[in-house]
Amino acid sequence: MLNHVICLRWAGGTNEAAKQAVVDGLLGLREHIDTIRSMRMGSDLGIRADNFDFASLIEFDDVDGYLTFRDHPAHQQVVRDFIRPVAAERAGVVFTSP
């Protein structure tokens, strides 16, 4: 299993509708990209002040599945239209798990 994690810090003034558009855009990718095995995401609970605001975990069978997702036009559109306009900071990790 290959795991793709992103964490976002919202830009100042990002409203709830824009945050929900990120979630909806990411979840909608399952209709377009069949290499996605599972998706989980959510807002930080605010227990630590230095945490990022939002995280997503998307799972794939292998590197090829991830690369299909990464380069897919639907994913690129979500990044361009919904994530970049509201992300002040992004961190990502791609790792394997048994």
Protein backbone atom coordinates (compact mmCIF):
# COMPACT_ATOMS: atom_id res chain seq x y z
CA MET A 1 0.00 0.00 0.00
CA LEU A 2 1.23 3.47 -0.88
CA ASN A 3 0.04 6.41 1.22
CA HIS A 4 -0.07 10.05 0.16
CA VAL A 5 -0.51 12.57 2.96
CA ILE A 6 -0.91 16.30 2.55
CA CYS A 7 -1.26 18.87 5.30
CA LEU A 8 -2.43 22.41 4.65
CA ARG A 9 -2.39 25.67 6.56
CA TRP A 10 -5.17 27.91 5.36
CA ALA A 11 -4.37 31.39 4.17
CA GLY A 12 -5.77 34.16 6.34
CA GLY A 13 -9.38 34.90 5.58
CA THR A 14 -10.15 31.49 4.08
CA ASN A 15 -13.87 30.94 4.65
CA GLU A 16 -15.71 27.70 5.39
CA ALA A 17 -17.10 27.48 1.85
CA ALA A 18 -13.59 27.52 0.38
CA LYS A 19 -12.43 24.86 2.86
CA GLN A 20 -15.41 22.68 1.95
CA ALA A 21 -14.63 23.17 -1.75
CA VAL A 22 -11.19 21.60 -1.11
CA VAL A 23 -12.82 18.60 0.59
CA ASP A 24 -15.48 18.23 -2.09
CA GLY A 25 -12.92 18.60 -4.86
CA LEU A 26 -10.66 15.92 -3.39
CA LEU A 27 -13.51 13.51 -2.69
CA GLY A 28 -14.83 14.02 -6.20
CA LEU A 29 -11.58 12.67 -7.63
CA ARG A 30 -12.72 9.13 -6.85
CA GLU A 31 -15.15 9.43 -9.78
CA HIS A 32 -12.30 10.22 -12.18
CA ILE A 33 -9.26 8.31 -10.92
CA ASP A 34 -9.70 4.59 -10.42
CA THR A 35 -6.30 4.06 -8.78
CA ILE A 36 -7.52 5.69 -5.55
CA ARG A 37 -8.17 2.90 -3.01
CA SER A 38 -9.30 5.01 -0.06
CA MET A 39 -9.47 8.61 1.10
CA ARG A 40 -9.63 10.10 4.56
CA MET A 41 -9.41 13.75 5.44
CA GLY A 42 -10.38 16.28 8.03
CA SER A 43 -9.73 19.49 9.90
CA ASP A 44 -7.34 19.61 12.81
CA LEU A 45 -9.01 19.42 16.21
CA GLY A 46 -6.99 22.35 17.56
CA ILE A 47 -5.38 20.40 20.39
CA ARG A 48 -1.90 21.65 19.40
CA ALA A 49 -1.43 25.23 18.26
CA ASP A 50 1.41 24.37 15.87
CA ASN A 51 -0.47 21.72 13.84
CA PHE A 52 -1.55 22.22 10.28
CA ASP A 53 -5.24 23.07 9.71
CA PHE A 54 -6.21 20.20 7.41
CA ALA A 55 -4.88 16.81 6.34
CA SER A 56 -5.76 14.19 3.77
CA LEU A 57 -4.60 10.60 3.41
CA ILE A 58 -5.11 8.97 0.03
CA GLU A 59 -4.13 5.33 -0.48
CA PHE A 60 -3.02 3.56 -3.65
CA ASP A 61 -1.90 0.03 -4.48
CA ASP A 62 1.50 1.14 -5.78
CA VAL A 63 3.68 3.94 -7.13
CA ASP A 64 2.09 3.73 -10.58
CA GLY A 65 -1.35 4.28 -9.04
CA TYR A 66 -0.07 7.34 -7.19
CA LEU A 67 1.61 8.73 -10.31
CA THR A 68 -1.63 8.30 -12.26
CA PHE A 69 -3.38 10.34 -9.56
CA ARG A 70 -0.63 12.94 -9.28
CA ASP A 71 -0.59 13.67 -13.00
CA HIS A 72 -4.30 13.26 -13.71
CA PRO A 73 -5.93 16.41 -15.16
CA ALA A 74 -8.83 16.22 -12.68
CA HIS A 75 -6.38 16.23 -9.75
CA GLN A 76 -4.38 19.07 -11.27
CA GLN A 77 -7.60 21.07 -11.64
CA VAL A 78 -8.53 20.56 -7.96
CA VAL A 79 -5.06 21.72 -6.93
CA ARG A 80 -5.22 24.75 -9.24
CA ASP A 81 -8.81 25.80 -8.58
CA PHE A 82 -9.38 24.91 -4.92
CA ILE A 83 -6.14 24.20 -3.02
CA ARG A 84 -3.60 26.74 -4.22
CA PRO A 85 -5.90 29.75 -3.75
CA VAL A 86 -6.41 28.99 -0.05
CA ALA A 87 -3.22 27.19 1.05
CA ALA A 88 -0.68 29.35 2.83
CA GLU A 89 1.50 26.31 3.40
CA ARG A 90 1.57 22.69 2.26
CA ALA A 91 3.49 19.68 3.51
CA GLY A 92 3.39 16.27 1.87
CA VAL A 93 4.69 12.77 2.43
CA VAL A 94 4.40 9.66 0.27
CA PHE A 95 5.25 6.41 2.08
CA THR A 96 4.60 2.70 1.89
CA SER A 97 2.97 0.52 4.50
CA PRO A 98 2.37 -3.21 4.66
